Amino acid sequence: MSVYFPTSMLLIIGYSTLYVKVALLQVRLIVSLTTLLVLYTLFNNTSDALPPTAYIKMIDVWFFSCILLLFYVIVSHVVVEHLGNRNTEIKWVKPFSADGHKVSDISAAVRPLPDRVLLYTRCAVVPVVVVLFNLVYWAVLFGLRGK
């Protein structure tokens, strides 16, 4: 409990940076990098408290996956910033029916590419990776305890 709960909280903090506005790169990066630093410090303290072994422990797999996930979040922020620096403009489109007639006078904004990347990352990539990893991790962990 002293490892899984704090690391889960740190992952939630890192994940929440994907919801910060695209224009606020400083906030997103500082929070993500600080979270990664705290997680690495926790990993070092936990590793020092455990006996040294020649094989990889399950707690090491947990920490490596958490560190990799936060690293992916940070790289996503950098990519989003790069995409935002390119000349991406908001295009305005008018909705049309299949036969080409205008449906309404209300214009719908197409999301800029940086927003779409953040949306895809926070709604698809990170949740799927976290759920799949946890299913496999806990199945293996509880499977090993049964032996």
N, C-alpha and C. Protein backbone atom coordinates (compact mmCIF):
# COMPACT_ATOMS: atom_id res chain seq x y z
N MET A 1 0.82 -1.20 0.00
CA MET A 1 0.00 0.00 0.00
C MET A 1 0.87 1.26 0.00
N SER A 2 2.04 1.18 0.61
CA SER A 2 2.91 2.35 0.69
C SER A 2 3.61 2.63 -0.64
N VAL A 3 3.47 1.75 -1.61
CA VAL A 3 4.07 1.96 -2.93
C VAL A 3 2.99 2.19 -3.98
N TYR A 4 2.01 1.33 -4.03
CA TYR A 4 1.02 1.38 -5.11
C TYR A 4 0.12 2.61 -5.01
N PHE A 5 -0.28 2.99 -3.82
CA PHE A 5 -1.16 4.16 -3.68
C PHE A 5 -0.45 5.46 -4.07
N PRO A 6 0.76 5.74 -3.54
CA PRO A 6 1.44 6.98 -3.95
C PRO A 6 1.78 7.01 -5.44
N THR A 7 2.21 5.89 -6.00
CA THR A 7 2.53 5.90 -7.43
C THR A 7 1.28 6.09 -8.27
N SER A 8 0.17 5.53 -7.83
CA SER A 8 -1.08 5.75 -8.55
C SER A 8 -1.51 7.21 -8.50
N MET A 9 -1.32 7.83 -7.36
CA MET A 9 -1.64 9.25 -7.24
C MET A 9 -0.74 10.08 -8.14
N LEU A 10 0.54 9.74 -8.21
CA LEU A 10 1.46 10.46 -9.08
C LEU A 10 1.09 10.27 -10.55
N LEU A 11 0.66 9.07 -10.90
CA LEU A 11 0.22 8.84 -12.28
C LEU A 11 -1.02 9.66 -12.61
N ILE A 12 -1.92 9.78 -11.67
CA ILE A 12 -3.13 10.58 -11.90
C ILE A 12 -2.75 12.05 -12.08
N ILE A 13 -1.80 12.53 -11.30
CA ILE A 13 -1.34 13.91 -11.45
C ILE A 13 -0.70 14.11 -12.82
N GLY A 14 0.16 13.17 -13.22
CA GLY A 14 0.78 13.27 -14.54
C GLY A 14 -0.24 13.19 -15.66
N TYR A 15 -1.22 12.31 -15.51
CA TYR A 15 -2.28 12.17 -16.50
C TYR A 15 -3.13 13.43 -16.59
N SER A 16 -3.36 14.08 -15.45
CA SER A 16 -4.20 15.27 -15.44
C SER A 16 -3.58 16.42 -16.23
N THR A 17 -2.28 16.39 -16.45
CA THR A 17 -1.65 17.45 -17.25
C THR A 17 -2.11 17.39 -18.70
N LEU A 18 -2.65 16.27 -19.13
CA LEU A 18 -3.18 16.16 -20.49
C LEU A 18 -4.47 16.96 -20.66
N TYR A 19 -5.05 17.43 -19.56
CA TYR A 19 -6.28 18.22 -19.59
C TYR A 19 -6.01 19.72 -19.51
N VAL A 20 -4.76 20.11 -19.31
CA VAL A 20 -4.41 21.53 -19.24
C VAL A 20 -4.39 22.10 -20.65
N LYS A 21 -4.76 23.37 -20.79
CA LYS A 21 -4.82 24.01 -22.10
C LYS A 21 -3.51 23.86 -22.85
N VAL A 22 -3.63 23.75 -24.16
CA VAL A 22 -2.45 23.58 -25.01
C VAL A 22 -1.50 24.76 -24.87
N ALA A 23 -2.02 25.96 -24.69
CA ALA A 23 -1.20 27.16 -24.62
C ALA A 23 -0.33 27.22 -23.37
N LEU A 24 -0.64 26.42 -22.37
CA LEU A 24 0.09 26.48 -21.09
C LEU A 24 1.16 25.38 -21.00
N LEU A 25 2.10 25.41 -21.92
CA LEU A 25 3.16 24.38 -21.94
C LEU A 25 3.96 24.38 -20.64
N GLN A 26 4.28 25.55 -20.12
CA GLN A 26 5.09 25.62 -18.90
C GLN A 26 4.44 24.85 -17.77
N VAL A 27 3.16 25.03 -17.59
CA VAL A 27 2.44 24.34 -16.51
C VAL A 27 2.45 22.84 -16.75
N ARG A 28 2.14 22.44 -17.97
CA ARG A 28 2.08 21.01 -18.28
C ARG A 28 3.42 20.34 -18.07
N LEU A 29 4.49 20.96 -18.57
CA LEU A 29 5.81 20.34 -18.46
C LEU A 29 6.34 20.34 -17.03
N ILE A 30 6.16 21.44 -16.32
CA ILE A 30 6.68 21.51 -14.95
C ILE A 30 6.01 20.47 -14.06
N VAL A 31 4.70 20.36 -14.16
CA VAL A 31 4.00 19.38 -13.33
C VAL A 31 4.40 17.96 -13.74
N SER A 32 4.49 17.68 -15.03
CA SER A 32 4.86 16.34 -15.50
C SER A 32 6.28 15.97 -15.07
N LEU A 33 7.21 16.89 -15.26
CA LEU A 33 8.60 16.60 -14.90
C LEU A 33 8.77 16.46 -13.39
N THR A 34 8.08 17.28 -12.62
CA THR A 34 8.15 17.15 -11.16
C THR A 34 7.58 15.81 -10.71
N THR A 35 6.49 15.41 -11.33
CA THR A 35 5.89 14.12 -11.00
C THR A 35 6.85 12.98 -11.33
N LEU A 36 7.51 13.07 -12.46
CA LEU A 36 8.49 12.05 -12.83
C LEU A 36 9.65 12.01 -11.84
N LEU A 37 10.12 13.16 -11.42
CA LEU A 37 11.21 13.24 -10.45
C LEU A 37 10.81 12.63 -9.11
N VAL A 38 9.62 12.94 -8.64
CA VAL A 38 9.14 12.37 -7.38
C VAL A 38 8.99 10.85 -7.50
N LEU A 39 8.48 10.41 -8.63
CA LEU A 39 8.32 8.97 -8.85
C LEU A 39 9.67 8.26 -8.86
N TYR A 40 10.66 8.86 -9.51
CA TYR A 40 11.99 8.26 -9.54
C TYR A 40 12.62 8.21 -8.14
N THR A 41 12.41 9.26 -7.37
CA THR A 41 12.91 9.28 -5.99
C THR A 41 12.26 8.18 -5.16
N LEU A 42 10.95 8.02 -5.31
CA LEU A 42 10.24 6.94 -4.62
C LEU A 42 10.76 5.57 -5.05
N PHE A 43 11.04 5.42 -6.33
CA PHE A 43 11.59 4.17 -6.86
C PHE A 43 12.95 3.88 -6.23
N ASN A 44 13.82 4.89 -6.15
CA ASN A 44 15.14 4.69 -5.54
C ASN A 44 15.03 4.33 -4.07
N ASN A 45 14.18 5.01 -3.33
CA ASN A 45 14.02 4.71 -1.91
C ASN A 45 13.46 3.32 -1.69
N THR A 46 12.51 2.93 -2.52
CA THR A 46 11.93 1.59 -2.39
C THR A 46 12.95 0.52 -2.76
N SER A 47 13.71 0.75 -3.81
CA SER A 47 14.72 -0.23 -4.24
C SER A 47 15.82 -0.40 -3.21
N ASP A 48 16.18 0.70 -2.55
CA ASP A 48 17.22 0.61 -1.51
C ASP A 48 16.74 -0.17 -0.30
N ALA A 49 15.44 -0.15 -0.04
CA ALA A 49 14.89 -0.85 1.12
C ALA A 49 14.71 -2.34 0.87
N LEU A 50 14.71 -2.77 -0.38
CA LEU A 50 14.52 -4.18 -0.72
C LEU A 50 15.86 -4.89 -0.82
N PRO A 51 15.87 -6.18 -0.54
CA PRO A 51 17.13 -6.92 -0.68
C PRO A 51 17.53 -7.03 -2.17
N PRO A 52 18.82 -6.95 -2.46
CA PRO A 52 19.26 -7.08 -3.86
C PRO A 52 19.06 -8.51 -4.36
N THR A 53 18.60 -8.62 -5.60
CA THR A 53 18.40 -9.93 -6.22
C THR A 53 18.95 -9.89 -7.63
N ALA A 54 19.16 -11.07 -8.20
CA ALA A 54 19.68 -11.16 -9.56
C ALA A 54 18.57 -11.08 -10.60
N TYR A 55 17.35 -11.11 -10.18
CA TYR A 55 16.22 -11.09 -11.11
C TYR A 55 15.40 -9.82 -10.91
N ILE A 56 14.54 -9.55 -11.84
CA ILE A 56 13.68 -8.37 -11.77
C ILE A 56 12.47 -8.69 -10.91
N LYS A 57 12.21 -7.82 -9.95
CA LYS A 57 11.08 -7.99 -9.06
C LYS A 57 9.84 -7.34 -9.68
N MET A 58 8.68 -7.75 -9.25
CA MET A 58 7.43 -7.19 -9.78
C MET A 58 7.30 -5.71 -9.43
N ILE A 59 7.84 -5.31 -8.30
CA ILE A 59 7.77 -3.89 -7.95
C ILE A 59 8.62 -3.06 -8.92
N ASP A 60 9.71 -3.65 -9.43
CA ASP A 60 10.52 -2.96 -10.45
C ASP A 60 9.73 -2.79 -11.74
N VAL A 61 8.98 -3.81 -12.12
CA VAL A 61 8.15 -3.73 -13.32
C VAL A 61 7.11 -2.63 -13.14
N TRP A 62 6.52 -2.55 -11.96
CA TRP A 62 5.53 -1.51 -11.68
C TRP A 62 6.14 -0.12 -11.85
N PHE A 63 7.30 0.09 -11.22
CA PHE A 63 7.93 1.41 -11.30
C PHE A 63 8.37 1.73 -12.72
N PHE A 64 8.95 0.77 -13.43
CA PHE A 64 9.37 1.02 -14.80
C PHE A 64 8.19 1.41 -15.67
N SER A 65 7.07 0.75 -15.50
CA SER A 65 5.90 1.08 -16.30
C SER A 65 5.37 2.47 -15.95
N CYS A 66 5.37 2.82 -14.68
CA CYS A 66 4.93 4.16 -14.28
C CYS A 66 5.84 5.24 -14.85
N ILE A 67 7.15 4.99 -14.78
CA ILE A 67 8.11 5.95 -15.32
C ILE A 67 7.96 6.07 -16.83
N LEU A 68 7.77 4.95 -17.52
CA LEU A 68 7.59 5.00 -18.97
C LEU A 68 6.30 5.73 -19.35
N LEU A 69 5.25 5.52 -18.59
CA LEU A 69 3.99 6.20 -18.89
C LEU A 69 4.13 7.71 -18.71
N LEU A 70 4.77 8.13 -17.63
CA LEU A 70 4.99 9.56 -17.43
C LEU A 70 5.93 10.13 -18.49
N PHE A 71 6.90 9.35 -18.91
CA PHE A 71 7.78 9.78 -19.99
C PHE A 71 6.98 9.98 -21.28
N TYR A 72 6.05 9.07 -21.56
CA TYR A 72 5.20 9.22 -22.74
C TYR A 72 4.35 10.48 -22.65
N VAL A 73 3.84 10.79 -21.47
CA VAL A 73 3.04 12.00 -21.29
C VAL A 73 3.89 13.24 -21.58
N ILE A 74 5.12 13.25 -21.09
CA ILE A 74 6.01 14.39 -21.32
C ILE A 74 6.33 14.52 -22.81
N VAL A 75 6.63 13.42 -23.47
CA VAL A 75 6.90 13.47 -24.90
C VAL A 75 5.66 13.94 -25.66
N SER A 76 4.49 13.55 -25.22
CA SER A 76 3.25 14.02 -25.85
C SER A 76 3.13 15.53 -25.74
N HIS A 77 3.49 16.08 -24.58
CA HIS A 77 3.44 17.53 -24.41
C HIS A 77 4.41 18.23 -25.36
N VAL A 78 5.57 17.67 -25.53
CA VAL A 78 6.56 18.28 -26.43
C VAL A 78 6.07 18.21 -27.87
N VAL A 79 5.51 17.07 -28.26
CA VAL A 79 4.97 16.93 -29.63
C VAL A 79 3.82 17.90 -29.85
N VAL A 80 2.95 18.03 -28.88
CA VAL A 80 1.81 18.96 -29.00
C VAL A 80 2.32 20.39 -29.14
N GLU A 81 3.34 20.74 -28.40
CA GLU A 81 3.91 22.09 -28.50
C GLU A 81 4.52 22.31 -29.88
N HIS A 82 5.20 21.30 -30.39
CA HIS A 82 5.79 21.41 -31.73
C HIS A 82 4.69 21.60 -32.78
N LEU A 83 3.64 20.82 -32.66
CA LEU A 83 2.52 20.95 -33.60
C LEU A 83 1.85 22.31 -33.48
N GLY A 84 1.80 22.84 -32.26
CA GLY A 84 1.20 24.15 -32.05
C GLY A 84 2.04 25.27 -32.63
N ASN A 85 3.34 25.07 -32.71
CA ASN A 85 4.22 26.09 -33.27
C ASN A 85 4.16 26.14 -34.78
N ARG A 86 3.72 25.05 -35.40
CA ARG A 86 3.52 25.08 -36.84
C ARG A 86 2.33 25.96 -37.15
N ASN A 87 2.17 26.33 -38.34
CA ASN A 87 1.08 27.21 -38.73
C ASN A 87 -0.22 26.44 -38.88
N THR A 88 -0.76 26.00 -37.74
CA THR A 88 -2.05 25.32 -37.78
C THR A 88 -3.13 26.35 -37.52
N GLU A 89 -4.09 26.41 -38.36
CA GLU A 89 -5.18 27.36 -38.22
C GLU A 89 -6.48 26.62 -37.99
N ILE A 90 -7.40 27.31 -37.35
CA ILE A 90 -8.73 26.74 -37.18
C ILE A 90 -9.48 26.96 -38.47
N LYS A 91 -10.00 25.90 -39.02
CA LYS A 91 -10.78 25.99 -40.25
C LYS A 91 -12.25 25.97 -39.87
N TRP A 92 -12.99 26.84 -40.49
CA TRP A 92 -14.43 26.89 -40.24
C TRP A 92 -15.14 26.19 -41.39
N VAL A 93 -16.00 25.27 -41.03
CA VAL A 93 -16.75 24.54 -42.04
C VAL A 93 -18.23 24.70 -41.76
N LYS A 94 -18.99 24.70 -42.79
CA LYS A 94 -20.45 24.74 -42.64
C LYS A 94 -20.97 23.35 -42.91
N PRO A 95 -21.82 22.84 -42.02
CA PRO A 95 -22.35 21.50 -42.22
C PRO A 95 -23.26 21.43 -43.44
N PHE A 96 -23.06 20.42 -44.24
CA PHE A 96 -23.87 20.19 -45.44
C PHE A 96 -24.46 18.79 -45.38
N SER A 97 -25.58 18.64 -46.02
CA SER A 97 -26.20 17.32 -46.11
C SER A 97 -25.52 16.54 -47.22
N ALA A 98 -25.91 15.29 -47.41
CA ALA A 98 -25.30 14.43 -48.42
C ALA A 98 -25.50 14.97 -49.83
N ASP A 99 -26.59 15.70 -50.06
CA ASP A 99 -26.83 16.21 -51.42
C ASP A 99 -26.22 17.60 -51.64
N GLY A 100 -25.48 18.12 -50.65
CA GLY A 100 -24.76 19.37 -50.84
C GLY A 100 -25.49 20.61 -50.36
N HIS A 101 -26.68 20.48 -49.82
CA HIS A 101 -27.43 21.63 -49.32
C HIS A 101 -27.00 21.96 -47.90
N LYS A 102 -26.99 23.25 -47.59
CA LYS A 102 -26.59 23.68 -46.26
C LYS A 102 -27.64 23.23 -45.24
N VAL A 103 -27.15 22.64 -44.13
CA VAL A 103 -28.06 22.12 -43.11
C VAL A 103 -28.46 23.23 -42.14
N SER A 104 -27.50 24.03 -41.70
CA SER A 104 -27.80 25.12 -40.77
C SER A 104 -26.82 26.25 -40.99
N ASP A 105 -27.08 27.36 -40.36
CA ASP A 105 -26.20 28.52 -40.48
C ASP A 105 -25.12 28.51 -39.41
N ILE A 106 -25.17 27.56 -38.48
CA ILE A 106 -24.20 27.50 -37.39
C ILE A 106 -22.92 26.84 -37.91
N SER A 107 -21.79 27.51 -37.72
CA SER A 107 -20.52 26.96 -38.15
C SER A 107 -19.91 26.15 -37.02
N ALA A 108 -19.29 25.06 -37.38
CA ALA A 108 -18.63 24.19 -36.39
C ALA A 108 -17.13 24.31 -36.57
N ALA A 109 -16.43 24.50 -35.50
CA ALA A 109 -14.97 24.63 -35.56
C ALA A 109 -14.34 23.25 -35.56
N VAL A 110 -13.41 23.05 -36.46
CA VAL A 110 -12.63 21.82 -36.47
C VAL A 110 -11.50 22.02 -35.48
N ARG A 111 -11.30 21.04 -34.62
CA ARG A 111 -10.26 21.17 -33.60
C ARG A 111 -8.88 21.29 -34.26
N PRO A 112 -8.05 22.17 -33.72
CA PRO A 112 -6.67 22.23 -34.21
C PRO A 112 -5.94 20.93 -33.89
N LEU A 113 -4.91 20.62 -34.65
CA LEU A 113 -4.17 19.36 -34.50
C LEU A 113 -3.62 19.15 -33.09
N PRO A 114 -3.01 20.15 -32.43
CA PRO A 114 -2.52 19.91 -31.07
C PRO A 114 -3.62 19.47 -30.10
N ASP A 115 -4.78 20.08 -30.21
CA ASP A 115 -5.90 19.68 -29.34
C ASP A 115 -6.34 18.25 -29.62
N ARG A 116 -6.34 17.87 -30.89
CA ARG A 116 -6.74 16.51 -31.25
C ARG A 116 -5.73 15.49 -30.72
N VAL A 117 -4.44 15.83 -30.76
CA VAL A 117 -3.41 14.91 -30.25
C VAL A 117 -3.58 14.73 -28.75
N LEU A 118 -3.79 15.82 -28.03
CA LEU A 118 -4.02 15.71 -26.58
C LEU A 118 -5.28 14.92 -26.28
N LEU A 119 -6.33 15.17 -27.02
CA LEU A 119 -7.59 14.46 -26.83
C LEU A 119 -7.41 12.96 -27.06
N TYR A 120 -6.75 12.61 -28.14
CA TYR A 120 -6.50 11.20 -28.46
C TYR A 120 -5.63 10.54 -27.39
N THR A 121 -4.62 11.27 -26.92
CA THR A 121 -3.72 10.72 -25.90
C THR A 121 -4.45 10.49 -24.59
N ARG A 122 -5.24 11.48 -24.17
CA ARG A 122 -5.89 11.34 -22.86
C ARG A 122 -7.12 10.45 -22.87
N CYS A 123 -7.77 10.31 -24.03
CA CYS A 123 -9.00 9.51 -24.09
C CYS A 123 -8.80 8.10 -24.62
N ALA A 124 -7.73 7.87 -25.35
CA ALA A 124 -7.54 6.55 -25.96
C ALA A 124 -6.24 5.89 -25.52
N VAL A 125 -5.13 6.52 -25.78
CA VAL A 125 -3.83 5.86 -25.59
C VAL A 125 -3.56 5.55 -24.12
N VAL A 126 -3.55 6.56 -23.28
CA VAL A 126 -3.19 6.35 -21.87
C VAL A 126 -4.17 5.43 -21.15
N PRO A 127 -5.48 5.63 -21.26
CA PRO A 127 -6.39 4.70 -20.56
C PRO A 127 -6.26 3.26 -21.02
N VAL A 128 -6.10 3.03 -22.32
CA VAL A 128 -5.97 1.66 -22.81
C VAL A 128 -4.68 1.03 -22.30
N VAL A 129 -3.59 1.76 -22.35
CA VAL A 129 -2.31 1.23 -21.87
C VAL A 129 -2.38 0.92 -20.38
N VAL A 130 -2.97 1.80 -19.60
CA VAL A 130 -3.07 1.60 -18.15
C VAL A 130 -3.94 0.38 -17.82
N VAL A 131 -5.07 0.26 -18.47
CA VAL A 131 -5.97 -0.87 -18.20
C VAL A 131 -5.31 -2.19 -18.60
N LEU A 132 -4.72 -2.24 -19.79
CA LEU A 132 -4.07 -3.48 -20.23
C LEU A 132 -2.90 -3.85 -19.32
N PHE A 133 -2.07 -2.87 -18.99
CA PHE A 133 -0.94 -3.17 -18.11
C PHE A 133 -1.43 -3.69 -16.76
N ASN A 134 -2.43 -3.03 -16.17
CA ASN A 134 -2.92 -3.47 -14.86
C ASN A 134 -3.53 -4.85 -14.90
N LEU A 135 -4.25 -5.16 -15.95
CA LEU A 135 -4.80 -6.52 -16.07
C LEU A 135 -3.70 -7.56 -16.09
N VAL A 136 -2.69 -7.34 -16.90
CA VAL A 136 -1.59 -8.30 -17.00
C VAL A 136 -0.77 -8.32 -15.71
N TYR A 137 -0.44 -7.15 -15.18
CA TYR A 137 0.40 -7.06 -13.99
C TYR A 137 -0.24 -7.78 -12.80
N TRP A 138 -1.50 -7.45 -12.51
CA TRP A 138 -2.14 -8.06 -11.34
C TRP A 138 -2.44 -9.53 -11.55
N ALA A 139 -2.71 -9.93 -12.78
CA ALA A 139 -2.91 -11.36 -13.06
C ALA A 139 -1.63 -12.14 -12.82
N VAL A 140 -0.52 -11.60 -13.28
CA VAL A 140 0.77 -12.26 -13.05
C VAL A 140 1.13 -12.23 -11.58
N LEU A 141 0.92 -11.10 -10.93
CA LEU A 141 1.28 -10.98 -9.51
C LEU A 141 0.48 -11.97 -8.65
N PHE A 142 -0.82 -12.01 -8.86
CA PHE A 142 -1.63 -12.93 -8.07
C PHE A 142 -1.42 -14.38 -8.51
N GLY A 143 -1.07 -14.60 -9.76
CA GLY A 143 -0.75 -15.93 -10.22
C GLY A 143 0.53 -16.46 -9.59
N LEU A 144 1.50 -15.57 -9.40
CA LEU A 144 2.76 -15.97 -8.76
C LEU A 144 2.56 -16.25 -7.27
N ARG A 145 1.67 -15.53 -6.63
CA ARG A 145 1.43 -15.76 -5.20
C ARG A 145 0.74 -17.09 -4.94
N GLY A 146 0.01 -17.55 -5.94
CA GLY A 146 -0.71 -18.81 -5.78
C GLY A 146 0.23 -20.02 -5.81
N LYS A 147 1.44 -19.84 -6.29
CA LYS A 147 2.39 -20.96 -6.38
C LYS A 147 3.17 -21.16 -5.11
